[in-house]
Amino acid sequence: MAVYQIDYFSRALERTVMCHMVLPNDVMDYYKEDNPHFNRPMKTLVLLHGYFGSSTEWLYKSDIVELSSRYNVCVILPSGENSFYTEGTASGRQYQTFIRELLNYARDTFHLSKRKEDTFIGGFSMGGFGALLTGLTDPGTYEKVFLFSAALITDEVATFDERDHQMANGDYYRLVFGELSEVKASKHHPLHLLKQRQKNNAHIPSLFVACGTEDWLINHTRRFIDELKDSHVPVTYHEEAGGHDFRFWNKMIEPAIQWCLEE
């Protein structure tokens, strides 16, 4: 199993950035025996971390390295900082462009498939938000999207009050999401993007959503699921005991990968 640390210059972020990648191109022959996932081309999963995290979070805290070799999936692990993976207006804050740029860089460098059908994106918390935002922004790139405990907080951000929020201040939210009063009808609001795509009869990637019942974001997730049902958007939803932590996310990652690989 090959694990890479890549430091490359990102034009979107205007600086050298670090990311990691798990590439199962050195798996022993005996491991491939009777494993149908090695009878097809390698798939690609872009996997996003949460707030406070980095590209090593999935690497060190989950089973993703072992799962990569079990399912013949290359895993790209960007460092999204605390960006919410939004496309900012300030120089060097174009994180949607960065994810696209990194995926293309990895495809060209490591000869990965460029087919939408072979490419997926997922993440937890802020990364779940980012995966959904990216999947809806670049639907021609990703066949399926999964989100765990997604930080679907844009409605609250739109009515931000310094007295009610302790995670970050107003300056941060304006940097990440733009003018707060306009967030609900912006490119940074996943439901707005989803409804736009429906209105235009455009492709919407398949969605897998999971959240623990003890997670502080469970009500956000339930509201999102209700919105999807009201809009007649198909979704695979898992809700079970669990908190906002890797005990839950590590439990969900293999079922999510299996779901991605379903025909």
C-alpha atoms as a PDB file:
ATOM      1  CA  MET A   1       0.000   0.000   0.000  1.00  0.00           C
ATOM      2  CA  ALA A   2       1.538   3.304  -1.122  1.00  0.00           C
ATOM      3  CA  VAL A   3       0.844   6.414   0.971  1.00  0.00           C
ATOM      4  CA  TYR A   4       2.082   9.682  -0.525  1.00  0.00           C
ATOM      5  CA  GLN A   5       2.617  13.125   0.949  1.00  0.00           C
ATOM      6  CA  ILE A   6       2.448  15.635  -1.890  1.00  0.00           C
ATOM      7  CA  ASP A   7       3.611  19.242  -1.666  1.00  0.00           C
ATOM      8  CA  TYR A   8       2.735  21.113  -4.826  1.00  0.00           C
ATOM      9  CA  PHE A   9       2.024  24.661  -5.892  1.00  0.00           C
ATOM     10  CA  SER A  10      -1.690  25.353  -6.094  1.00  0.00           C
ATOM     11  CA  ARG A  11      -2.619  28.146  -8.477  1.00  0.00           C
ATOM     12  CA  ALA A  12      -6.059  28.358  -6.897  1.00  0.00           C
ATOM     13  CA  LEU A  13      -4.644  28.938  -3.396  1.00  0.00           C
ATOM     14  CA  GLU A  14      -1.554  30.804  -4.631  1.00  0.00           C
ATOM     15  CA  ARG A  15       0.851  28.861  -2.433  1.00  0.00           C
ATOM     16  CA  THR A  16       2.459  25.489  -1.923  1.00  0.00           C
ATOM     17  CA  VAL A  17      -0.002  23.147  -0.223  1.00  0.00           C
ATOM     18  CA  MET A  18       0.310  19.695   1.299  1.00  0.00           C
ATOM     19  CA  CYS A  19      -2.030  16.795   0.654  1.00  0.00           C
ATOM     20  CA  HIS A  20      -1.899  13.030   1.071  1.00  0.00           C
ATOM     21  CA  MET A  21      -2.934  10.184  -1.153  1.00  0.00           C
ATOM     22  CA  VAL A  22      -3.458   6.460  -0.641  1.00  0.00           C
ATOM     23  CA  LEU A  23      -2.777   4.458  -3.793  1.00  0.00           C
ATOM     24  CA  PRO A  24      -3.321   0.656  -3.828  1.00  0.00           C
ATOM     25  CA  ASN A  25      -1.052   0.011  -6.808  1.00  0.00           C
ATOM     26  CA  ASP A  26       1.416  -2.184  -4.913  1.00  0.00           C
ATOM     27  CA  VAL A  27      -1.015  -4.706  -3.453  1.00  0.00           C
ATOM     28  CA  MET A  28       0.388  -8.245  -3.313  1.00  0.00           C
ATOM     29  CA  ASP A  29      -1.064 -10.744  -5.794  1.00  0.00           C
ATOM     30  CA  TYR A  30      -2.366 -13.060  -3.074  1.00  0.00           C
ATOM     31  CA  TYR A  31      -4.417 -10.166  -1.660  1.00  0.00           C
ATOM     32  CA  LYS A  32      -6.106  -9.725  -5.040  1.00  0.00           C
ATOM     33  CA  GLU A  33      -7.161 -13.352  -5.324  1.00  0.00           C
ATOM     34  CA  ASP A  34     -10.928 -13.798  -5.239  1.00  0.00           C
ATOM     35  CA  ASN A  35     -11.294 -10.013  -4.828  1.00  0.00           C
ATOM     36  CA  PRO A  36     -13.621  -8.768  -7.602  1.00  0.00           C
ATOM     37  CA  HIS A  37     -12.568  -5.141  -7.045  1.00  0.00           C
ATOM     38  CA  PHE A  38      -9.266  -5.858  -8.778  1.00  0.00           C
ATOM     39  CA  ASN A  39     -11.070  -7.117 -11.875  1.00  0.00           C
ATOM     40  CA  ARG A  40     -11.998  -3.538 -12.772  1.00  0.00           C
ATOM     41  CA  PRO A  41     -10.129  -0.206 -13.101  1.00  0.00           C
ATOM     42  CA  MET A  42      -9.192   1.615  -9.902  1.00  0.00           C
ATOM     43  CA  LYS A  43     -11.775   4.090  -8.593  1.00  0.00           C
ATOM     44  CA  THR A  44     -11.012   7.485  -7.014  1.00  0.00           C
ATOM     45  CA  LEU A  45     -12.388   8.966  -3.788  1.00  0.00           C
ATOM     46  CA  VAL A  46     -11.735  12.551  -2.706  1.00  0.00           C
ATOM     47  CA  LEU A  47     -12.096  12.522   1.088  1.00  0.00           C
ATOM     48  CA  LEU A  48     -12.448  15.788   3.006  1.00  0.00           C
ATOM     49  CA  HIS A  49     -11.604  16.527   6.653  1.00  0.00           C
ATOM     50  CA  GLY A  50     -13.478  18.665   9.168  1.00  0.00           C
ATOM     51  CA  TYR A  51     -12.972  22.000  10.912  1.00  0.00           C
ATOM     52  CA  PHE A  52      -9.681  22.143  12.877  1.00  0.00           C
ATOM     53  CA  GLY A  53      -8.398  19.225  10.741  1.00  0.00           C
ATOM     54  CA  SER A  54      -5.881  18.473   8.004  1.00  0.00           C
ATOM     55  CA  SER A  55      -5.125  15.943   5.276  1.00  0.00           C
ATOM     56  CA  THR A  56      -3.786  13.497   7.880  1.00  0.00           C
ATOM     57  CA  GLU A  57      -7.010  13.231   9.865  1.00  0.00           C
ATOM     58  CA  TRP A  58      -8.600  10.409   7.871  1.00  0.00           C
ATOM     59  CA  LEU A  59      -5.161   8.851   7.458  1.00  0.00           C
ATOM     60  CA  TYR A  60      -4.427   8.525  11.178  1.00  0.00           C
ATOM     61  CA  LYS A  61      -7.886   8.158  12.710  1.00  0.00           C
ATOM     62  CA  SER A  62      -9.714   5.805  10.364  1.00  0.00           C
ATOM     63  CA  ASP A  63      -9.332   2.522   8.480  1.00  0.00           C
ATOM     64  CA  ILE A  64      -9.066   4.284   5.129  1.00  0.00           C
ATOM     65  CA  VAL A  65      -5.617   2.859   4.240  1.00  0.00           C
ATOM     66  CA  GLU A  66      -6.799  -0.730   4.670  1.00  0.00           C
ATOM     67  CA  LEU A  67     -10.110  -0.011   2.926  1.00  0.00           C
ATOM     68  CA  SER A  68      -8.288   1.531  -0.027  1.00  0.00           C
ATOM     69  CA  SER A  69      -6.494  -1.751  -0.697  1.00  0.00           C
ATOM     70  CA  ARG A  70      -9.548  -3.883   0.047  1.00  0.00           C
ATOM     71  CA  TYR A  71     -11.735  -2.061  -2.474  1.00  0.00           C
ATOM     72  CA  ASN A  72      -9.104  -0.906  -5.000  1.00  0.00           C
ATOM     73  CA  VAL A  73      -9.882   2.773  -4.471  1.00  0.00           C
ATOM     74  CA  CYS A  74      -7.358   5.601  -4.661  1.00  0.00           C
ATOM     75  CA  VAL A  75      -8.066   8.085  -1.867  1.00  0.00           C
ATOM     76  CA  ILE A  76      -7.095  11.752  -2.274  1.00  0.00           C
ATOM     77  CA  LEU A  77      -6.868  13.670   1.011  1.00  0.00           C
ATOM     78  CA  PRO A  78      -6.709  17.460   0.555  1.00  0.00           C
ATOM     79  CA  SER A  79      -5.873  19.969   3.272  1.00  0.00           C
ATOM     80  CA  GLY A  80      -8.851  22.299   3.214  1.00  0.00           C
ATOM     81  CA  GLU A  81      -7.843  24.279   6.313  1.00  0.00           C
ATOM     82  CA  ASN A  82     -10.922  25.905   7.928  1.00  0.00           C
ATOM     83  CA  SER A  83     -12.312  26.967   4.567  1.00  0.00           C
ATOM     84  CA  PHE A  84     -15.618  25.055   4.425  1.00  0.00           C
ATOM     85  CA  TYR A  85     -14.302  24.351   0.908  1.00  0.00           C
ATOM     86  CA  THR A  86     -16.029  27.450  -0.468  1.00  0.00           C
ATOM     87  CA  GLU A  87     -15.020  29.517  -3.476  1.00  0.00           C
ATOM     88  CA  GLY A  88     -13.978  32.756  -1.792  1.00  0.00           C
ATOM     89  CA  THR A  89     -13.412  36.097  -3.488  1.00  0.00           C
ATOM     90  CA  ALA A  90     -10.175  36.947  -1.645  1.00  0.00           C
ATOM     91  CA  SER A  91      -6.927  36.004  -3.359  1.00  0.00           C
ATOM     92  CA  GLY A  92      -5.847  32.454  -2.582  1.00  0.00           C
ATOM     93  CA  ARG A  93      -9.208  31.319  -1.185  1.00  0.00           C
ATOM     94  CA  GLN A  94     -10.696  29.515  -4.185  1.00  0.00           C
ATOM     95  CA  TYR A  95     -11.170  26.142  -2.503  1.00  0.00           C
ATOM     96  CA  GLN A  96     -13.674  24.731  -4.989  1.00  0.00           C
ATOM     97  CA  THR A  97     -11.174  25.439  -7.749  1.00  0.00           C
ATOM     98  CA  PHE A  98      -8.457  23.900  -5.553  1.00  0.00           C
ATOM     99  CA  ILE A  99     -10.336  20.586  -5.177  1.00  0.00           C
ATOM    100  CA  ARG A 100     -10.865  20.462  -8.952  1.00  0.00           C
ATOM    101  CA  GLU A 101      -7.228  21.365  -9.566  1.00  0.00           C
ATOM    102  CA  LEU A 102      -5.932  18.734  -7.134  1.00  0.00           C
ATOM    103  CA  LEU A 103      -8.114  15.992  -8.602  1.00  0.00           C
ATOM    104  CA  ASN A 104      -6.898  16.825 -12.114  1.00  0.00           C
ATOM    105  CA  TYR A 105      -3.286  16.942 -10.895  1.00  0.00           C
ATOM    106  CA  ALA A 106      -3.631  13.482  -9.307  1.00  0.00           C
ATOM    107  CA  ARG A 107      -5.383  12.085 -12.396  1.00  0.00           C
ATOM    108  CA  ASP A 108      -2.629  13.312 -14.706  1.00  0.00           C
ATOM    109  CA  THR A 109       0.270  12.390 -12.424  1.00  0.00           C
ATOM    110  CA  PHE A 110      -0.909   8.922 -11.361  1.00  0.00           C
ATOM    111  CA  HIS A 111      -2.931   8.019 -14.485  1.00  0.00           C
ATOM    112  CA  LEU A 112      -6.250   7.785 -12.635  1.00  0.00           C
ATOM    113  CA  SER A 113      -9.573   7.408 -14.400  1.00  0.00           C
ATOM    114  CA  LYS A 114     -11.142  10.658 -15.624  1.00  0.00           C
ATOM    115  CA  ARG A 115     -14.620   9.149 -15.821  1.00  0.00           C
ATOM    116  CA  LYS A 116     -17.363  10.550 -13.612  1.00  0.00           C
ATOM    117  CA  GLU A 117     -18.545   6.992 -12.994  1.00  0.00           C
ATOM    118  CA  ASP A 118     -15.203   6.171 -11.345  1.00  0.00           C
ATOM    119  CA  THR A 119     -15.003   9.264  -9.123  1.00  0.00           C
ATOM    120  CA  PHE A 120     -16.606   9.981  -5.737  1.00  0.00           C
ATOM    121  CA  ILE A 121     -16.335  12.577  -2.981  1.00  0.00           C
ATOM    122  CA  GLY A 122     -17.147  12.434   0.733  1.00  0.00           C
ATOM    123  CA  GLY A 123     -16.298  13.899   4.096  1.00  0.00           C
ATOM    124  CA  PHE A 124     -17.343  14.545   7.674  1.00  0.00           C
ATOM    125  CA  SER A 125     -18.587  17.702   9.437  1.00  0.00           C
ATOM    126  CA  MET A 126     -17.122  20.681   7.527  1.00  0.00           C
ATOM    127  CA  GLY A 127     -15.870  18.118   5.004  1.00  0.00           C
ATOM    128  CA  GLY A 128     -19.381  16.711   4.622  1.00  0.00           C
ATOM    129  CA  PHE A 129     -20.592  20.198   3.791  1.00  0.00           C
ATOM    130  CA  GLY A 130     -17.666  20.575   1.392  1.00  0.00           C
ATOM    131  CA  ALA A 131     -18.359  17.244  -0.307  1.00  0.00           C
ATOM    132  CA  LEU A 132     -21.995  18.187  -0.884  1.00  0.00           C
ATOM    133  CA  LEU A 133     -21.072  21.675  -2.100  1.00  0.00           C
ATOM    134  CA  THR A 134     -18.423  20.267  -4.460  1.00  0.00           C
ATOM    135  CA  GLY A 135     -20.675  17.509  -5.753  1.00  0.00           C
ATOM    136  CA  LEU A 136     -23.385  20.027  -6.627  1.00  0.00           C
ATOM    137  CA  THR A 137     -20.936  22.559  -8.065  1.00  0.00           C
ATOM    138  CA  ASP A 138     -19.137  19.988 -10.244  1.00  0.00           C
ATOM    139  CA  PRO A 139     -21.825  17.333 -10.842  1.00  0.00           C
ATOM    140  CA  GLY A 140     -20.169  16.234 -14.067  1.00  0.00           C
ATOM    141  CA  THR A 141     -17.117  15.139 -12.079  1.00  0.00           C
ATOM    142  CA  TYR A 142     -18.589  13.001  -9.278  1.00  0.00           C
ATOM    143  CA  GLU A 143     -20.949  10.064  -9.636  1.00  0.00           C
ATOM    144  CA  LYS A 144     -21.737   9.834  -5.909  1.00  0.00           C
ATOM    145  CA  VAL A 145     -21.380  11.998  -2.798  1.00  0.00           C
ATOM    146  CA  PHE A 146     -21.450  10.976   0.861  1.00  0.00           C
ATOM    147  CA  LEU A 147     -21.586  13.161   3.932  1.00  0.00           C
ATOM    148  CA  PHE A 148     -21.257  12.245   7.591  1.00  0.00           C
ATOM    149  CA  SER A 149     -22.433  14.639  10.345  1.00  0.00           C
ATOM    150  CA  ALA A 150     -22.394  17.403   7.759  1.00  0.00           C
ATOM    151  CA  ALA A 151     -22.069  20.978   9.046  1.00  0.00           C
ATOM    152  CA  LEU A 152     -25.113  22.242   7.146  1.00  0.00           C
ATOM    153  CA  ILE A 153     -25.074  25.566   8.983  1.00  0.00           C
ATOM    154  CA  THR A 154     -25.709  28.080   6.202  1.00  0.00           C
ATOM    155  CA  ASP A 155     -29.192  29.028   7.437  1.00  0.00           C
ATOM    156  CA  GLU A 156     -27.768  29.878  10.855  1.00  0.00           C
ATOM    157  CA  VAL A 157     -24.847  31.716   9.265  1.00  0.00           C
ATOM    158  CA  ALA A 158     -27.299  33.863   7.303  1.00  0.00           C
ATOM    159  CA  THR A 159     -28.680  35.231  10.592  1.00  0.00           C
ATOM    160  CA  PHE A 160     -25.385  35.226  12.472  1.00  0.00           C
ATOM    161  CA  ASP A 161     -25.350  36.810  15.930  1.00  0.00           C
ATOM    162  CA  GLU A 162     -22.012  37.119  17.741  1.00  0.00           C
ATOM    163  CA  ARG A 163     -23.737  36.326  21.052  1.00  0.00           C
ATOM    164  CA  ASP A 164     -24.993  32.928  19.844  1.00  0.00           C
ATOM    165  CA  HIS A 165     -21.875  31.488  18.204  1.00  0.00           C
ATOM    166  CA  GLN A 166     -18.687  30.375  19.879  1.00  0.00           C
ATOM    167  CA  MET A 167     -16.947  28.378  17.130  1.00  0.00           C
ATOM    168  CA  ALA A 168     -16.008  31.431  15.056  1.00  0.00           C
ATOM    169  CA  ASN A 169     -16.753  35.142  14.745  1.00  0.00           C
ATOM    170  CA  GLY A 170     -18.583  37.140  12.113  1.00  0.00           C
ATOM    171  CA  ASP A 171     -15.422  38.126  10.280  1.00  0.00           C
ATOM    172  CA  TYR A 172     -14.643  34.447   9.720  1.00  0.00           C
ATOM    173  CA  TYR A 173     -18.115  33.642   8.390  1.00  0.00           C
ATOM    174  CA  ARG A 174     -18.033  36.624   6.031  1.00  0.00           C
ATOM    175  CA  LEU A 175     -14.610  35.549   4.745  1.00  0.00           C
ATOM    176  CA  VAL A 176     -15.861  32.005   4.112  1.00  0.00           C
ATOM    177  CA  PHE A 177     -19.447  32.582   2.936  1.00  0.00           C
ATOM    178  CA  GLY A 178     -19.489  36.182   1.708  1.00  0.00           C
ATOM    179  CA  GLU A 179     -22.206  38.693   2.590  1.00  0.00           C
ATOM    180  CA  LEU A 180     -24.196  36.826   5.250  1.00  0.00           C
ATOM    181  CA  SER A 181     -27.580  38.271   4.340  1.00  0.00           C
ATOM    182  CA  GLU A 182     -27.166  36.805   0.838  1.00  0.00           C
ATOM    183  CA  VAL A 183     -25.996  33.313   1.823  1.00  0.00           C
ATOM    184  CA  LYS A 184     -29.359  31.566   1.370  1.00  0.00           C
ATOM    185  CA  ALA A 185     -29.440  32.432  -2.341  1.00  0.00           C
ATOM    186  CA  SER A 186     -25.736  32.007  -2.996  1.00  0.00           C
ATOM    187  CA  LYS A 187     -23.356  29.451  -4.481  1.00  0.00           C
ATOM    188  CA  HIS A 188     -22.384  28.587  -0.892  1.00  0.00           C
ATOM    189  CA  HIS A 189     -25.802  27.213   0.064  1.00  0.00           C
ATOM    190  CA  PRO A 190     -26.148  23.527  -0.958  1.00  0.00           C
ATOM    191  CA  LEU A 191     -29.960  23.509  -0.960  1.00  0.00           C
ATOM    192  CA  HIS A 192     -30.011  26.581  -3.180  1.00  0.00           C
ATOM    193  CA  LEU A 193     -27.666  24.836  -5.615  1.00  0.00           C
ATOM    194  CA  LEU A 194     -29.721  21.652  -5.477  1.00  0.00           C
ATOM    195  CA  LYS A 195     -32.982  23.492  -6.260  1.00  0.00           C
ATOM    196  CA  GLN A 196     -31.293  25.340  -9.110  1.00  0.00           C
ATOM    197  CA  ARG A 197     -30.194  22.049 -10.607  1.00  0.00           C
ATOM    198  CA  GLN A 198     -33.685  20.622 -10.248  1.00  0.00           C
ATOM    199  CA  LYS A 199     -35.172  23.704 -11.896  1.00  0.00           C
ATOM    200  CA  ASN A 200     -32.821  23.244 -14.854  1.00  0.00           C
ATOM    201  CA  ASN A 201     -33.402  19.465 -14.991  1.00  0.00           C
ATOM    202  CA  ALA A 202     -29.664  19.051 -14.430  1.00  0.00           C
ATOM    203  CA  HIS A 203     -27.851  16.012 -13.088  1.00  0.00           C
ATOM    204  CA  ILE A 204     -27.683  15.609  -9.298  1.00  0.00           C
ATOM    205  CA  PRO A 205     -25.129  13.115  -7.929  1.00  0.00           C
ATOM    206  CA  SER A 206     -26.432  10.254  -5.803  1.00  0.00           C
ATOM    207  CA  LEU A 207     -26.356  11.077  -2.070  1.00  0.00           C
ATOM    208  CA  PHE A 208     -25.482   9.021   1.024  1.00  0.00           C
ATOM    209  CA  VAL A 209     -26.059  10.795   4.350  1.00  0.00           C
ATOM    210  CA  ALA A 210     -25.242   9.546   7.870  1.00  0.00           C
ATOM    211  CA  CYS A 211     -25.409  11.113  11.311  1.00  0.00           C
ATOM    212  CA  GLY A 212     -25.349   9.882  14.899  1.00  0.00           C
ATOM    213  CA  THR A 213     -28.342  10.471  17.142  1.00  0.00           C
ATOM    214  CA  GLU A 214     -26.103  12.049  19.803  1.00  0.00           C
ATOM    215  CA  ASP A 215     -24.393  14.331  17.297  1.00  0.00           C
ATOM    216  CA  TRP A 216     -24.949  18.067  17.822  1.00  0.00           C
ATOM    217  CA  LEU A 217     -25.708  18.320  14.091  1.00  0.00           C
ATOM    218  CA  ILE A 218     -28.448  15.678  14.063  1.00  0.00           C
ATOM    219  CA  ASN A 219     -31.271  18.223  13.747  1.00  0.00           C
ATOM    220  CA  HIS A 220     -29.478  19.932  10.865  1.00  0.00           C
ATOM    221  CA  THR A 221     -29.198  16.552   9.149  1.00  0.00           C
ATOM    222  CA  ARG A 222     -32.843  15.675   9.748  1.00  0.00           C
ATOM    223  CA  ARG A 223     -33.976  19.024   8.305  1.00  0.00           C
ATOM    224  CA  PHE A 224     -31.800  18.398   5.265  1.00  0.00           C
ATOM    225  CA  ILE A 225     -33.286  14.918   4.779  1.00  0.00           C
ATOM    226  CA  ASP A 226     -36.792  16.398   5.032  1.00  0.00           C
ATOM    227  CA  GLU A 227     -35.864  18.974   2.387  1.00  0.00           C
ATOM    228  CA  LEU A 228     -34.611  16.232   0.093  1.00  0.00           C
ATOM    229  CA  LYS A 229     -37.807  14.242   0.533  1.00  0.00           C
ATOM    230  CA  ASP A 230     -39.965  17.323  -0.083  1.00  0.00           C
ATOM    231  CA  SER A 231     -37.969  17.988  -3.247  1.00  0.00           C
ATOM    232  CA  HIS A 232     -38.210  14.301  -4.298  1.00  0.00           C
ATOM    233  CA  VAL A 233     -34.430  13.915  -4.324  1.00  0.00           C
ATOM    234  CA  PRO A 234     -33.416  10.273  -3.681  1.00  0.00           C
ATOM    235  CA  VAL A 235     -31.075   9.749  -0.734  1.00  0.00           C
ATOM    236  CA  THR A 236     -29.626   6.827   1.214  1.00  0.00           C
ATOM    237  CA  TYR A 237     -29.856   7.807   4.893  1.00  0.00           C
ATOM    238  CA  HIS A 238     -28.302   6.160   7.951  1.00  0.00           C
ATOM    239  CA  GLU A 239     -29.125   7.350  11.456  1.00  0.00           C
ATOM    240  CA  GLU A 240     -27.991   5.405  14.494  1.00  0.00           C
ATOM    241  CA  ALA A 241     -26.404   5.851  17.908  1.00  0.00           C
ATOM    242  CA  GLY A 242     -23.230   7.888  17.751  1.00  0.00           C
ATOM    243  CA  GLY A 243     -21.641  11.269  18.339  1.00  0.00           C
ATOM    244  CA  HIS A 244     -19.591  13.772  16.414  1.00  0.00           C
ATOM    245  CA  ASP A 245     -16.439  11.680  16.386  1.00  0.00           C
ATOM    246  CA  PHE A 246     -14.394   9.087  14.528  1.00  0.00           C
ATOM    247  CA  ARG A 247     -16.047   6.210  16.353  1.00  0.00           C
ATOM    248  CA  PHE A 248     -19.123   6.974  14.281  1.00  0.00           C
ATOM    249  CA  TRP A 249     -17.379   8.099  11.066  1.00  0.00           C
ATOM    250  CA  ASN A 250     -15.105   5.062  11.040  1.00  0.00           C
ATOM    251  CA  LYS A 251     -18.180   2.869  11.369  1.00  0.00           C
ATOM    252  CA  MET A 252     -19.768   4.563   8.352  1.00  0.00           C
ATOM    253  CA  ILE A 253     -16.827   4.779   5.953  1.00  0.00           C
ATOM    254  CA  GLU A 254     -16.871   1.169   4.723  1.00  0.00           C
ATOM    255  CA  PRO A 255     -20.642   1.110   4.057  1.00  0.00           C
ATOM    256  CA  ALA A 256     -20.258   4.427   2.223  1.00  0.00           C
ATOM    257  CA  ILE A 257     -17.466   3.059   0.032  1.00  0.00           C
ATOM    258  CA  GLN A 258     -19.525  -0.074  -0.681  1.00  0.00           C
ATOM    259  CA  TRP A 259     -22.429   2.160  -1.662  1.00  0.00           C
ATOM    260  CA  CYS A 260     -20.160   4.175  -3.978  1.00  0.00           C
ATOM    261  CA  LEU A 261     -19.101   0.981  -5.757  1.00  0.00           C
ATOM    262  CA  GLU A 262     -22.604  -0.322  -6.308  1.00  0.00           C
ATOM    263  CA  GLU A 263     -23.561  -0.332  -9.987  1.00  0.00           C
END
